[in-house]
Amino acid sequence: MSMNTATDNIVGILVVVAIFVLLALPSLVGLARDRHIDRQLRTAQQADGATRVRPAITAQDVTRAA
């Protein structure tokens, strides 16, 4: 009787872990894909020498344009 309970517990734990993995997998795949795209963009910026930063628009610029 004790062995059957232990087996049931192990099977239950494995089912819960499997469901958790199935639920978390799409998020983890998306995160990995985003990181890959970020790396590609960073590499492209460095290759182009496009490290220029666009200046922020200030309130003076807005009033001057109006």
PDB file of N, CA and C in Angstrom:
ATOM      1  N   MET A   1       0.815  -1.183   0.000  1.00  0.00           N
ATOM      2  CA  MET A   1       0.000   0.000   0.000  1.00  0.00           C
ATOM      3  C   MET A   1       0.867   1.259   0.000  1.00  0.00           C
ATOM      4  N   SER A   2       1.956   1.225   0.739  1.00  0.00           N
ATOM      5  CA  SER A   2       2.832   2.376   0.845  1.00  0.00           C
ATOM      6  C   SER A   2       3.523   2.658  -0.490  1.00  0.00           C
ATOM      7  N   MET A   3       3.879   1.608  -1.228  1.00  0.00           N
ATOM      8  CA  MET A   3       4.550   1.785  -2.514  1.00  0.00           C
ATOM      9  C   MET A   3       3.611   2.405  -3.520  1.00  0.00           C
ATOM     10  N   ASN A   4       2.348   2.047  -3.496  1.00  0.00           N
ATOM     11  CA  ASN A   4       1.370   2.595  -4.423  1.00  0.00           C
ATOM     12  C   ASN A   4       1.179   4.093  -4.166  1.00  0.00           C
ATOM     13  N   THR A   5       1.166   4.502  -2.916  1.00  0.00           N
ATOM     14  CA  THR A   5       1.013   5.914  -2.568  1.00  0.00           C
ATOM     15  C   THR A   5       2.223   6.710  -3.035  1.00  0.00           C
ATOM     16  N   ALA A   6       3.415   6.161  -2.854  1.00  0.00           N
ATOM     17  CA  ALA A   6       4.634   6.841  -3.296  1.00  0.00           C
ATOM     18  C   ALA A   6       4.639   6.999  -4.814  1.00  0.00           C
ATOM     19  N   THR A   7       4.223   5.976  -5.522  1.00  0.00           N
ATOM     20  CA  THR A   7       4.158   6.031  -6.986  1.00  0.00           C
ATOM     21  C   THR A   7       3.142   7.067  -7.429  1.00  0.00           C
ATOM     22  N   ASP A   8       1.997   7.105  -6.763  1.00  0.00           N
ATOM     23  CA  ASP A   8       0.980   8.098  -7.105  1.00  0.00           C
ATOM     24  C   ASP A   8       1.503   9.515  -6.881  1.00  0.00           C
ATOM     25  N   ASN A   9       2.234   9.693  -5.790  1.00  0.00           N
ATOM     26  CA  ASN A   9       2.806  11.010  -5.509  1.00  0.00           C
ATOM     27  C   ASN A   9       3.812  11.419  -6.578  1.00  0.00           C
ATOM     28  N   ILE A  10       4.661  10.502  -6.985  1.00  0.00           N
ATOM     29  CA  ILE A  10       5.663  10.803  -8.012  1.00  0.00           C
ATOM     30  C   ILE A  10       4.987  11.128  -9.333  1.00  0.00           C
ATOM     31  N   VAL A  11       3.993  10.362  -9.696  1.00  0.00           N
ATOM     32  CA  VAL A  11       3.262  10.615 -10.948  1.00  0.00           C
ATOM     33  C   VAL A  11       2.575  11.976 -10.878  1.00  0.00           C
ATOM     34  N   GLY A  12       1.977  12.295  -9.745  1.00  0.00           N
ATOM     35  CA  GLY A  12       1.327  13.599  -9.580  1.00  0.00           C
ATOM     36  C   GLY A  12       2.308  14.746  -9.710  1.00  0.00           C
ATOM     37  N   ILE A  13       3.472  14.608  -9.098  1.00  0.00           N
ATOM     38  CA  ILE A  13       4.497  15.649  -9.188  1.00  0.00           C
ATOM     39  C   ILE A  13       4.959  15.806 -10.633  1.00  0.00           C
ATOM     40  N   LEU A  14       5.167  14.699 -11.322  1.00  0.00           N
ATOM     41  CA  LEU A  14       5.609  14.771 -12.716  1.00  0.00           C
ATOM     42  C   LEU A  14       4.562  15.426 -13.607  1.00  0.00           C
ATOM     43  N   VAL A  15       3.295  15.162 -13.334  1.00  0.00           N
ATOM     44  CA  VAL A  15       2.219  15.793 -14.115  1.00  0.00           C
ATOM     45  C   VAL A  15       2.221  17.293 -13.885  1.00  0.00           C
ATOM     46  N   VAL A  16       2.363  17.719 -12.645  1.00  0.00           N
ATOM     47  CA  VAL A  16       2.393  19.153 -12.337  1.00  0.00           C
ATOM     48  C   VAL A  16       3.590  19.824 -13.003  1.00  0.00           C
ATOM     49  N   VAL A  17       4.755  19.182 -12.946  1.00  0.00           N
ATOM     50  CA  VAL A  17       5.951  19.744 -13.582  1.00  0.00           C
ATOM     51  C   VAL A  17       5.761  19.815 -15.099  1.00  0.00           C
ATOM     52  N   ALA A  18       5.172  18.798 -15.690  1.00  0.00           N
ATOM     53  CA  ALA A  18       4.941  18.794 -17.138  1.00  0.00           C
ATOM     54  C   ALA A  18       3.983  19.924 -17.537  1.00  0.00           C
ATOM     55  N   ILE A  19       2.945  20.139 -16.768  1.00  0.00           N
ATOM     56  CA  ILE A  19       2.006  21.225 -17.072  1.00  0.00           C
ATOM     57  C   ILE A  19       2.702  22.579 -16.937  1.00  0.00           C
ATOM     58  N   PHE A  20       3.512  22.731 -15.899  1.00  0.00           N
ATOM     59  CA  PHE A  20       4.252  23.979 -15.725  1.00  0.00           C
ATOM     60  C   PHE A  20       5.176  24.234 -16.911  1.00  0.00           C
ATOM     61  N   VAL A  21       5.870  23.214 -17.362  1.00  0.00           N
ATOM     62  CA  VAL A  21       6.771  23.374 -18.507  1.00  0.00           C
ATOM     63  C   VAL A  21       5.984  23.751 -19.757  1.00  0.00           C
ATOM     64  N   LEU A  22       4.849  23.113 -19.976  1.00  0.00           N
ATOM     65  CA  LEU A  22       4.030  23.429 -21.147  1.00  0.00           C
ATOM     66  C   LEU A  22       3.521  24.869 -21.099  1.00  0.00           C
ATOM     67  N   LEU A  23       3.208  25.363 -19.918  1.00  0.00           N
ATOM     68  CA  LEU A  23       2.721  26.730 -19.795  1.00  0.00           C
ATOM     69  C   LEU A  23       3.854  27.754 -19.920  1.00  0.00           C
ATOM     70  N   ALA A  24       5.026  27.428 -19.430  1.00  0.00           N
ATOM     71  CA  ALA A  24       6.141  28.368 -19.431  1.00  0.00           C
ATOM     72  C   ALA A  24       6.918  28.357 -20.747  1.00  0.00           C
ATOM     73  N   LEU A  25       6.819  27.291 -21.515  1.00  0.00           N
ATOM     74  CA  LEU A  25       7.631  27.149 -22.724  1.00  0.00           C
ATOM     75  C   LEU A  25       7.423  28.271 -23.745  1.00  0.00           C
ATOM     76  N   PRO A  26       6.194  28.667 -24.083  1.00  0.00           N
ATOM     77  CA  PRO A  26       6.052  29.759 -25.062  1.00  0.00           C
ATOM     78  C   PRO A  26       6.712  31.067 -24.613  1.00  0.00           C
ATOM     79  N   SER A  27       6.601  31.381 -23.335  1.00  0.00           N
ATOM     80  CA  SER A  27       7.229  32.598 -22.828  1.00  0.00           C
ATOM     81  C   SER A  27       8.743  32.513 -22.928  1.00  0.00           C
ATOM     82  N   LEU A  28       9.299  31.375 -22.591  1.00  0.00           N
ATOM     83  CA  LEU A  28      10.750  31.216 -22.646  1.00  0.00           C
ATOM     84  C   LEU A  28      11.265  31.260 -24.078  1.00  0.00           C
ATOM     85  N   VAL A  29      10.512  30.674 -24.999  1.00  0.00           N
ATOM     86  CA  VAL A  29      10.906  30.721 -26.410  1.00  0.00           C
ATOM     87  C   VAL A  29      10.847  32.155 -26.923  1.00  0.00           C
ATOM     88  N   GLY A  30       9.794  32.883 -26.558  1.00  0.00           N
ATOM     89  CA  GLY A  30       9.683  34.283 -26.965  1.00  0.00           C
ATOM     90  C   GLY A  30      10.790  35.137 -26.390  1.00  0.00           C
ATOM     91  N   LEU A  31      11.137  34.895 -25.144  1.00  0.00           N
ATOM     92  CA  LEU A  31      12.218  35.640 -24.503  1.00  0.00           C
ATOM     93  C   LEU A  31      13.545  35.381 -25.211  1.00  0.00           C
ATOM     94  N   ALA A  32      13.809  34.129 -25.533  1.00  0.00           N
ATOM     95  CA  ALA A  32      15.048  33.787 -26.241  1.00  0.00           C
ATOM     96  C   ALA A  32      15.079  34.438 -27.621  1.00  0.00           C
ATOM     97  N   ARG A  33      13.933  34.478 -28.295  1.00  0.00           N
ATOM     98  CA  ARG A  33      13.868  35.090 -29.627  1.00  0.00           C
ATOM     99  C   ARG A  33      14.107  36.594 -29.535  1.00  0.00           C
ATOM    100  N   ASP A  34      13.499  37.251 -28.542  1.00  0.00           N
ATOM    101  CA  ASP A  34      13.713  38.686 -28.363  1.00  0.00           C
ATOM    102  C   ASP A  34      15.173  39.006 -28.075  1.00  0.00           C
ATOM    103  N   ARG A  35      15.802  38.192 -27.237  1.00  0.00           N
ATOM    104  CA  ARG A  35      17.215  38.426 -26.932  1.00  0.00           C
ATOM    105  C   ARG A  35      18.076  38.257 -28.184  1.00  0.00           C
ATOM    106  N   HIS A  36      17.720  37.289 -29.021  1.00  0.00           N
ATOM    107  CA  HIS A  36      18.463  37.067 -30.261  1.00  0.00           C
ATOM    108  C   HIS A  36      18.317  38.274 -31.191  1.00  0.00           C
ATOM    109  N   ILE A  37      17.103  38.796 -31.315  1.00  0.00           N
ATOM    110  CA  ILE A  37      16.866  39.962 -32.166  1.00  0.00           C
ATOM    111  C   ILE A  37      17.605  41.177 -31.607  1.00  0.00           C
ATOM    112  N   ASP A  38      17.596  41.347 -30.283  1.00  0.00           N
ATOM    113  CA  ASP A  38      18.332  42.454 -29.674  1.00  0.00           C
ATOM    114  C   ASP A  38      19.817  42.369 -29.984  1.00  0.00           C
ATOM    115  N   ARG A  39      20.358  41.148 -29.922  1.00  0.00           N
ATOM    116  CA  ARG A  39      21.779  40.975 -30.248  1.00  0.00           C
ATOM    117  C   ARG A  39      22.051  41.330 -31.707  1.00  0.00           C
ATOM    118  N   GLN A  40      21.147  40.931 -32.605  1.00  0.00           N
ATOM    119  CA  GLN A  40      21.322  41.251 -34.019  1.00  0.00           C
ATOM    120  C   GLN A  40      21.279  42.755 -34.250  1.00  0.00           C
ATOM    121  N   LEU A  41      20.342  43.438 -33.599  1.00  0.00           N
ATOM    122  CA  LEU A  41      20.241  44.889 -33.752  1.00  0.00           C
ATOM    123  C   LEU A  41      21.482  45.589 -33.207  1.00  0.00           C
ATOM    124  N   ARG A  42      21.964  45.138 -32.064  1.00  0.00           N
ATOM    125  CA  ARG A  42      23.156  45.734 -31.464  1.00  0.00           C
ATOM    126  C   ARG A  42      24.371  45.535 -32.372  1.00  0.00           C
ATOM    127  N   THR A  43      24.495  44.360 -32.947  1.00  0.00           N
ATOM    128  CA  THR A  43      25.607  44.078 -33.859  1.00  0.00           C
ATOM    129  C   THR A  43      25.511  44.946 -35.106  1.00  0.00           C
ATOM    130  N   ALA A  44      24.304  45.106 -35.636  1.00  0.00           N
ATOM    131  CA  ALA A  44      24.116  45.935 -36.829  1.00  0.00           C
ATOM    132  C   ALA A  44      24.437  47.391 -36.535  1.00  0.00           C
ATOM    133  N   GLN A  45      24.065  47.877 -35.364  1.00  0.00           N
ATOM    134  CA  GLN A  45      24.380  49.261 -34.994  1.00  0.00           C
ATOM    135  C   GLN A  45      25.881  49.464 -34.896  1.00  0.00           C
ATOM    136  N   GLN A  46      26.561  48.519 -34.302  1.00  0.00           N
ATOM    137  CA  GLN A  46      28.007  48.652 -34.157  1.00  0.00           C
ATOM    138  C   GLN A  46      28.696  48.560 -35.507  1.00  0.00           C
ATOM    139  N   ALA A  47      28.194  47.733 -36.410  1.00  0.00           N
ATOM    140  CA  ALA A  47      28.800  47.582 -37.727  1.00  0.00           C
ATOM    141  C   ALA A  47      28.607  48.850 -38.556  1.00  0.00           C
ATOM    142  N   ASP A  48      27.450  49.506 -38.411  1.00  0.00           N
ATOM    143  CA  ASP A  48      27.174  50.725 -39.172  1.00  0.00           C
ATOM    144  C   ASP A  48      27.814  51.951 -38.544  1.00  0.00           C
ATOM    145  N   GLY A  49      28.248  51.801 -37.327  1.00  0.00           N
ATOM    146  CA  GLY A  49      28.775  52.965 -36.628  1.00  0.00           C
ATOM    147  C   GLY A  49      27.651  53.900 -36.229  1.00  0.00           C
ATOM    148  N   ALA A  50      26.459  53.384 -36.147  1.00  0.00           N
ATOM    149  CA  ALA A  50      25.271  54.191 -35.841  1.00  0.00           C
ATOM    150  C   ALA A  50      25.087  54.292 -34.341  1.00  0.00           C
ATOM    151  N   THR A  51      26.049  54.883 -33.689  1.00  0.00           N
ATOM    152  CA  THR A  51      25.942  55.055 -32.247  1.00  0.00           C
ATOM    153  C   THR A  51      25.455  56.458 -31.922  1.00  0.00           C
ATOM    154  N   ARG A  52      24.983  57.163 -32.960  1.00  0.00           N
ATOM    155  CA  ARG A  52      24.476  58.511 -32.744  1.00  0.00           C
ATOM    156  C   ARG A  52      23.200  58.454 -31.919  1.00  0.00           C
ATOM    157  N   VAL A  53      23.056  59.406 -31.044  1.00  0.00           N
ATOM    158  CA  VAL A  53      21.853  59.492 -30.227  1.00  0.00           C
ATOM    159  C   VAL A  53      21.102  60.736 -30.651  1.00  0.00           C
ATOM    160  N   ARG A  54      19.836  60.562 -30.945  1.00  0.00           N
ATOM    161  CA  ARG A  54      19.008  61.693 -31.339  1.00  0.00           C
ATOM    162  C   ARG A  54      18.723  62.557 -30.126  1.00  0.00           C
ATOM    163  N   PRO A  55      18.900  63.865 -30.226  1.00  0.00           N
ATOM    164  CA  PRO A  55      18.637  64.712 -29.060  1.00  0.00           C
ATOM    165  C   PRO A  55      17.156  64.721 -28.722  1.00  0.00           C
ATOM    166  N   ALA A  56      16.889  64.872 -27.463  1.00  0.00           N
ATOM    167  CA  ALA A  56      15.497  64.898 -27.005  1.00  0.00           C
ATOM    168  C   ALA A  56      14.866  66.239 -27.385  1.00  0.00           C
ATOM    169  N   ILE A  57      13.567  66.233 -27.605  1.00  0.00           N
ATOM    170  CA  ILE A  57      12.838  67.457 -27.891  1.00  0.00           C
ATOM    171  C   ILE A  57      12.542  68.139 -26.560  1.00  0.00           C
ATOM    172  N   THR A  58      12.912  69.403 -26.488  1.00  0.00           N
ATOM    173  CA  THR A  58      12.695  70.154 -25.251  1.00  0.00           C
ATOM    174  C   THR A  58      11.455  71.029 -25.383  1.00  0.00           C
ATOM    175  N   ALA A  59      11.028  71.612 -24.296  1.00  0.00           N
ATOM    176  CA  ALA A  59       9.871  72.508 -24.308  1.00  0.00           C
ATOM    177  C   ALA A  59      10.169  73.738 -25.161  1.00  0.00           C
ATOM    178  N   GLN A  60      11.423  74.179 -25.165  1.00  0.00           N
ATOM    179  CA  GLN A  60      11.789  75.343 -25.981  1.00  0.00           C
ATOM    180  C   GLN A  60      11.616  75.035 -27.462  1.00  0.00           C
ATOM    181  N   ASP A  61      11.951  73.819 -27.885  1.00  0.00           N
ATOM    182  CA  ASP A  61      11.770  73.440 -29.274  1.00  0.00           C
ATOM    183  C   ASP A  61      10.307  73.461 -29.676  1.00  0.00           C
ATOM    184  N   VAL A  62       9.455  73.031 -28.773  1.00  0.00           N
ATOM    185  CA  VAL A  62       8.018  72.994 -29.051  1.00  0.00           C
ATOM    186  C   VAL A  62       7.477  74.410 -29.165  1.00  0.00           C
ATOM    187  N   THR A  63       7.850  75.294 -28.254  1.00  0.00           N
ATOM    188  CA  THR A  63       7.343  76.676 -28.309  1.00  0.00           C
ATOM    189  C   THR A  63       7.928  77.422 -29.496  1.00  0.00           C
ATOM    190  N   ARG A  64       9.151  77.116 -29.866  1.00  0.00           N
ATOM    191  CA  ARG A  64       9.772  77.761 -31.024  1.00  0.00           C
ATOM    192  C   ARG A  64       9.069  77.339 -32.317  1.00  0.00           C
ATOM    193  N   ALA A  65       8.626  76.077 -32.383  1.00  0.00           N
ATOM    194  CA  ALA A  65       7.984  75.578 -33.589  1.00  0.00           C
ATOM    195  C   ALA A  65       6.546  76.075 -33.709  1.00  0.00           C
ATOM    196  N   ALA A  66       5.949  76.444 -32.588  1.00  0.00           N
ATOM    197  CA  ALA A  66       4.534  76.855 -32.617  1.00  0.00           C
ATOM    198  C   ALA A  66       4.330  78.248 -33.095  1.00  0.00           C
TER     199      ALA A  66
END
